[in-house]
N, C-alpha and C. Protein backbone atom coordinates (compact mmCIF):
# COMPACT_ATOMS: atom_id res chain seq x y z
N MET A 1 0.82 -1.21 0.00
CA MET A 1 0.00 0.00 0.00
C MET A 1 0.85 1.26 0.00
N ASN A 2 2.15 1.07 0.05
CA ASN A 2 3.07 2.21 -0.01
C ASN A 2 2.82 3.20 1.13
N VAL A 3 2.72 2.68 2.35
CA VAL A 3 2.47 3.53 3.52
C VAL A 3 3.76 4.21 3.92
N ARG A 4 3.70 5.52 4.02
CA ARG A 4 4.84 6.29 4.50
C ARG A 4 4.30 7.49 5.28
N PRO A 5 5.06 7.98 6.26
CA PRO A 5 4.59 9.10 7.08
C PRO A 5 4.11 10.27 6.23
N GLY A 6 3.00 10.84 6.63
CA GLY A 6 2.45 12.00 5.95
C GLY A 6 1.46 11.65 4.84
N LYS A 7 1.31 10.37 4.54
CA LYS A 7 0.44 9.97 3.44
C LYS A 7 -1.04 10.12 3.84
N LEU A 8 -1.83 10.54 2.87
CA LEU A 8 -3.27 10.70 3.06
C LEU A 8 -3.98 9.62 2.24
N PHE A 9 -4.85 8.86 2.90
CA PHE A 9 -5.63 7.83 2.23
C PHE A 9 -7.06 8.31 2.11
N TYR A 10 -7.62 8.20 0.93
CA TYR A 10 -9.02 8.55 0.71
C TYR A 10 -9.88 7.31 0.85
N VAL A 11 -10.96 7.45 1.58
CA VAL A 11 -11.93 6.37 1.74
C VAL A 11 -13.16 6.77 0.93
N ASN A 12 -13.33 6.12 -0.22
CA ASN A 12 -14.52 6.36 -1.02
C ASN A 12 -15.66 5.58 -0.38
N THR A 13 -16.72 6.28 -0.03
CA THR A 13 -17.81 5.61 0.66
C THR A 13 -19.16 6.11 0.17
N ASP A 14 -20.11 5.18 0.14
CA ASP A 14 -21.49 5.54 -0.17
C ASP A 14 -22.33 5.49 1.11
N ASN A 15 -21.65 5.37 2.24
CA ASN A 15 -22.32 5.25 3.52
C ASN A 15 -22.17 6.57 4.29
N THR A 16 -23.28 7.21 4.59
CA THR A 16 -23.22 8.52 5.24
C THR A 16 -22.67 8.43 6.66
N THR A 17 -22.90 7.33 7.36
CA THR A 17 -22.37 7.18 8.71
C THR A 17 -20.85 7.09 8.67
N THR A 18 -20.32 6.29 7.75
CA THR A 18 -18.86 6.18 7.60
C THR A 18 -18.25 7.53 7.26
N GLU A 19 -18.89 8.22 6.33
CA GLU A 19 -18.40 9.54 5.93
C GLU A 19 -18.37 10.50 7.12
N ALA A 20 -19.43 10.51 7.91
CA ALA A 20 -19.52 11.43 9.05
C ALA A 20 -18.47 11.11 10.11
N VAL A 21 -18.26 9.84 10.41
CA VAL A 21 -17.29 9.46 11.43
C VAL A 21 -15.88 9.85 11.01
N ILE A 22 -15.54 9.62 9.75
CA ILE A 22 -14.20 9.98 9.27
C ILE A 22 -14.02 11.50 9.28
N THR A 23 -15.05 12.21 8.86
CA THR A 23 -14.96 13.67 8.79
C THR A 23 -14.91 14.30 10.17
N LYS A 24 -15.80 13.86 11.08
CA LYS A 24 -15.90 14.44 12.43
C LYS A 24 -14.90 13.84 13.42
N ARG A 25 -14.34 12.66 13.06
CA ARG A 25 -13.39 11.96 13.92
C ARG A 25 -14.05 11.43 15.20
N ARG A 26 -15.36 11.30 15.17
CA ARG A 26 -16.10 10.77 16.33
C ARG A 26 -17.51 10.41 15.89
N SER A 27 -18.21 9.73 16.80
CA SER A 27 -19.58 9.32 16.53
C SER A 27 -20.39 9.48 17.82
N ASN A 28 -21.70 9.49 17.69
CA ASN A 28 -22.55 9.49 18.87
C ASN A 28 -22.72 8.08 19.44
N ASP A 29 -22.26 7.09 18.71
CA ASP A 29 -22.36 5.68 19.12
C ASP A 29 -21.08 5.28 19.85
N MET A 30 -21.21 4.84 21.10
CA MET A 30 -20.03 4.52 21.90
C MET A 30 -19.22 3.36 21.31
N ALA A 31 -19.89 2.36 20.73
CA ALA A 31 -19.18 1.22 20.14
C ALA A 31 -18.38 1.67 18.92
N VAL A 32 -18.98 2.55 18.11
CA VAL A 32 -18.27 3.08 16.94
C VAL A 32 -17.06 3.89 17.40
N ASN A 33 -17.22 4.70 18.43
CA ASN A 33 -16.10 5.49 18.96
C ASN A 33 -14.98 4.59 19.46
N SER A 34 -15.33 3.48 20.07
CA SER A 34 -14.31 2.55 20.56
C SER A 34 -13.50 2.00 19.39
N GLU A 35 -14.16 1.58 18.33
CA GLU A 35 -13.46 1.07 17.14
C GLU A 35 -12.68 2.20 16.45
N TRP A 36 -13.27 3.38 16.42
CA TRP A 36 -12.60 4.52 15.78
C TRP A 36 -11.30 4.86 16.50
N ARG A 37 -11.30 4.74 17.84
CA ARG A 37 -10.06 4.99 18.60
C ARG A 37 -8.97 4.00 18.16
N ASN A 38 -9.33 2.75 17.93
CA ASN A 38 -8.36 1.76 17.46
C ASN A 38 -7.81 2.15 16.10
N ILE A 39 -8.68 2.59 15.21
CA ILE A 39 -8.26 3.03 13.88
C ILE A 39 -7.33 4.24 14.00
N GLN A 40 -7.70 5.19 14.86
CA GLN A 40 -6.85 6.37 15.03
C GLN A 40 -5.48 6.01 15.60
N ASP A 41 -5.44 5.03 16.49
CA ASP A 41 -4.14 4.58 17.03
C ASP A 41 -3.23 4.10 15.90
N VAL A 42 -3.80 3.33 14.98
CA VAL A 42 -3.02 2.83 13.83
C VAL A 42 -2.58 3.98 12.94
N LEU A 43 -3.49 4.93 12.71
CA LEU A 43 -3.15 6.09 11.88
C LEU A 43 -2.02 6.90 12.50
N ILE A 44 -2.11 7.14 13.79
CA ILE A 44 -1.09 7.93 14.49
C ILE A 44 0.25 7.18 14.51
N LEU A 45 0.20 5.87 14.79
CA LEU A 45 1.42 5.07 14.81
C LEU A 45 2.15 5.12 13.47
N ASN A 46 1.39 5.11 12.38
CA ASN A 46 1.98 5.11 11.04
C ASN A 46 2.09 6.51 10.44
N GLU A 47 1.65 7.52 11.19
CA GLU A 47 1.71 8.92 10.77
C GLU A 47 1.02 9.13 9.42
N VAL A 48 -0.18 8.56 9.30
CA VAL A 48 -0.98 8.74 8.08
C VAL A 48 -2.36 9.25 8.46
N ASP A 49 -3.12 9.67 7.47
CA ASP A 49 -4.44 10.24 7.73
C ASP A 49 -5.45 9.69 6.74
N LEU A 50 -6.73 9.79 7.11
CA LEU A 50 -7.85 9.39 6.26
C LEU A 50 -8.71 10.58 5.94
N LYS A 51 -9.28 10.58 4.75
CA LYS A 51 -10.26 11.59 4.36
C LYS A 51 -11.37 10.86 3.61
N ALA A 52 -12.62 11.17 3.96
CA ALA A 52 -13.76 10.53 3.30
C ALA A 52 -14.11 11.27 2.02
N ARG A 53 -14.44 10.48 1.01
CA ARG A 53 -14.94 11.02 -0.26
C ARG A 53 -16.27 10.34 -0.57
N ARG A 54 -17.29 11.13 -0.74
CA ARG A 54 -18.63 10.61 -1.00
C ARG A 54 -18.75 10.15 -2.45
N VAL A 55 -19.22 8.92 -2.65
CA VAL A 55 -19.50 8.40 -3.98
C VAL A 55 -20.86 7.72 -3.95
N CYS A 56 -21.52 7.65 -5.09
CA CYS A 56 -22.78 6.91 -5.14
C CYS A 56 -22.44 5.43 -5.24
N SER A 57 -23.37 4.57 -4.87
CA SER A 57 -23.12 3.12 -4.86
C SER A 57 -22.62 2.62 -6.20
N ALA A 58 -23.15 3.15 -7.29
CA ALA A 58 -22.76 2.69 -8.63
C ALA A 58 -21.29 2.98 -8.92
N GLU A 59 -20.71 3.99 -8.27
CA GLU A 59 -19.30 4.36 -8.49
C GLU A 59 -18.38 3.82 -7.41
N ASN A 60 -18.93 3.12 -6.43
CA ASN A 60 -18.14 2.62 -5.32
C ASN A 60 -17.59 1.24 -5.66
N ARG A 61 -16.29 1.16 -5.97
CA ARG A 61 -15.66 -0.11 -6.36
C ARG A 61 -15.76 -1.15 -5.25
N ALA A 62 -15.81 -0.72 -4.00
CA ALA A 62 -15.86 -1.67 -2.90
C ALA A 62 -17.27 -2.20 -2.64
N ASP A 63 -18.27 -1.62 -3.27
CA ASP A 63 -19.65 -2.04 -3.03
C ASP A 63 -19.82 -3.53 -3.35
N GLY A 64 -19.33 -3.97 -4.48
CA GLY A 64 -19.42 -5.38 -4.83
C GLY A 64 -18.56 -6.25 -3.92
N LEU A 65 -17.37 -5.74 -3.56
CA LEU A 65 -16.50 -6.50 -2.67
C LEU A 65 -17.17 -6.81 -1.34
N SER A 66 -17.95 -5.85 -0.84
CA SER A 66 -18.63 -6.07 0.44
C SER A 66 -19.67 -7.17 0.33
N ARG A 67 -20.02 -7.53 -0.89
CA ARG A 67 -20.97 -8.62 -1.13
C ARG A 67 -20.28 -9.88 -1.66
N GLY A 68 -18.95 -9.85 -1.69
CA GLY A 68 -18.19 -11.02 -2.12
C GLY A 68 -17.93 -11.11 -3.61
N VAL A 69 -18.26 -10.05 -4.36
CA VAL A 69 -18.04 -10.06 -5.81
C VAL A 69 -16.62 -9.54 -6.09
N THR A 70 -15.78 -10.38 -6.69
CA THR A 70 -14.38 -9.99 -6.92
C THR A 70 -14.08 -9.80 -8.41
N THR A 71 -15.07 -9.89 -9.26
CA THR A 71 -14.88 -9.70 -10.70
C THR A 71 -14.30 -8.31 -10.96
N GLY A 72 -13.26 -8.24 -11.78
CA GLY A 72 -12.65 -6.96 -12.13
C GLY A 72 -11.53 -6.53 -11.20
N PHE A 73 -11.23 -7.34 -10.19
CA PHE A 73 -10.15 -7.03 -9.27
C PHE A 73 -9.01 -8.01 -9.48
N ARG A 74 -7.78 -7.50 -9.50
CA ARG A 74 -6.61 -8.35 -9.73
C ARG A 74 -6.26 -9.13 -8.46
N GLU A 75 -5.90 -10.39 -8.64
CA GLU A 75 -5.46 -11.20 -7.50
C GLU A 75 -4.21 -10.60 -6.87
N SER A 76 -3.38 -9.95 -7.67
CA SER A 76 -2.14 -9.37 -7.14
C SER A 76 -2.41 -8.21 -6.18
N ASP A 77 -3.64 -7.66 -6.18
CA ASP A 77 -3.99 -6.58 -5.26
C ASP A 77 -4.53 -7.09 -3.93
N ARG A 78 -4.68 -8.38 -3.81
CA ARG A 78 -5.20 -8.96 -2.56
C ARG A 78 -4.05 -9.13 -1.58
N PHE A 79 -4.37 -9.08 -0.31
CA PHE A 79 -3.34 -9.28 0.71
C PHE A 79 -3.92 -10.08 1.86
N THR A 80 -3.04 -10.69 2.61
CA THR A 80 -3.42 -11.50 3.76
C THR A 80 -3.41 -10.63 5.01
N LEU A 81 -4.47 -10.72 5.78
CA LEU A 81 -4.52 -10.00 7.05
C LEU A 81 -3.70 -10.78 8.07
N SER A 82 -2.73 -10.13 8.66
CA SER A 82 -1.86 -10.82 9.61
C SER A 82 -2.38 -10.72 11.04
N TRP A 83 -3.33 -9.80 11.29
CA TRP A 83 -3.82 -9.61 12.65
C TRP A 83 -5.22 -9.01 12.60
N LEU A 84 -6.10 -9.52 13.40
CA LEU A 84 -7.44 -8.97 13.56
C LEU A 84 -7.74 -8.84 15.04
N PRO A 85 -8.43 -7.77 15.45
CA PRO A 85 -8.85 -7.68 16.85
C PRO A 85 -9.72 -8.89 17.20
N LEU A 86 -9.66 -9.33 18.45
CA LEU A 86 -10.41 -10.51 18.87
C LEU A 86 -11.90 -10.40 18.56
N ASP A 87 -12.46 -9.20 18.72
CA ASP A 87 -13.90 -9.06 18.51
C ASP A 87 -14.29 -9.16 17.04
N LEU A 88 -13.33 -9.13 16.13
CA LEU A 88 -13.63 -9.24 14.70
C LEU A 88 -13.28 -10.61 14.11
N GLN A 89 -12.58 -11.43 14.87
CA GLN A 89 -12.10 -12.70 14.31
C GLN A 89 -13.24 -13.62 13.86
N ASP A 90 -14.37 -13.61 14.54
CA ASP A 90 -15.49 -14.45 14.13
C ASP A 90 -16.24 -13.86 12.94
N ALA A 91 -16.01 -12.59 12.62
CA ALA A 91 -16.74 -11.94 11.54
C ALA A 91 -16.03 -12.07 10.19
N PHE A 92 -14.79 -12.53 10.18
CA PHE A 92 -14.02 -12.62 8.95
C PHE A 92 -13.57 -14.05 8.69
N GLU A 93 -13.53 -14.39 7.43
CA GLU A 93 -12.97 -15.67 7.01
C GLU A 93 -11.97 -15.37 5.90
N GLN A 94 -10.75 -15.78 6.10
CA GLN A 94 -9.72 -15.54 5.10
C GLN A 94 -9.62 -16.78 4.21
N VAL A 95 -9.66 -16.56 2.91
CA VAL A 95 -9.60 -17.67 1.96
C VAL A 95 -8.44 -17.46 1.01
N GLU A 96 -7.97 -18.54 0.41
CA GLU A 96 -6.90 -18.43 -0.58
C GLU A 96 -7.48 -17.88 -1.87
N CYS A 97 -6.67 -17.13 -2.61
CA CYS A 97 -7.10 -16.59 -3.89
C CYS A 97 -7.59 -17.72 -4.78
N GLY A 98 -8.72 -17.50 -5.41
CA GLY A 98 -9.28 -18.48 -6.33
C GLY A 98 -10.09 -19.57 -5.67
N HIS A 99 -10.16 -19.56 -4.32
CA HIS A 99 -10.96 -20.55 -3.61
C HIS A 99 -12.15 -19.86 -2.96
N PRO A 100 -13.35 -20.36 -3.17
CA PRO A 100 -14.52 -19.72 -2.57
C PRO A 100 -14.53 -19.91 -1.06
N PRO A 101 -15.15 -18.99 -0.32
CA PRO A 101 -15.26 -19.16 1.13
C PRO A 101 -16.17 -20.34 1.45
N SER A 102 -15.96 -20.91 2.63
CA SER A 102 -16.82 -22.02 3.03
C SER A 102 -18.21 -21.50 3.33
N SER A 103 -19.19 -22.35 3.19
CA SER A 103 -20.58 -21.92 3.47
C SER A 103 -20.93 -22.28 4.89
N SER A 104 -20.68 -21.33 5.81
CA SER A 104 -20.95 -21.58 7.22
C SER A 104 -22.18 -20.87 7.68
């Protein structure tokens, strides 16, 4: 991802809640604020920043990915997650490229 200090990452989102949290750096939801603090810790540690960019669903490349559609994405752009917070481990399943996820 070419992470280096001072880099700004844009988060293209069609979700107004995501956009608001990134822009305001906080939420009215305590659980969201707890997760946001974790994200901010990573940003500060790596000296990088996020900025939200509003896109409609039709222009959001990640919209299909959130539904498991990988058509049009290069396998070389995929990466393995080396660490997940404990509270997220049951929500994610990591699969090898070209292999469908198990049906659980």
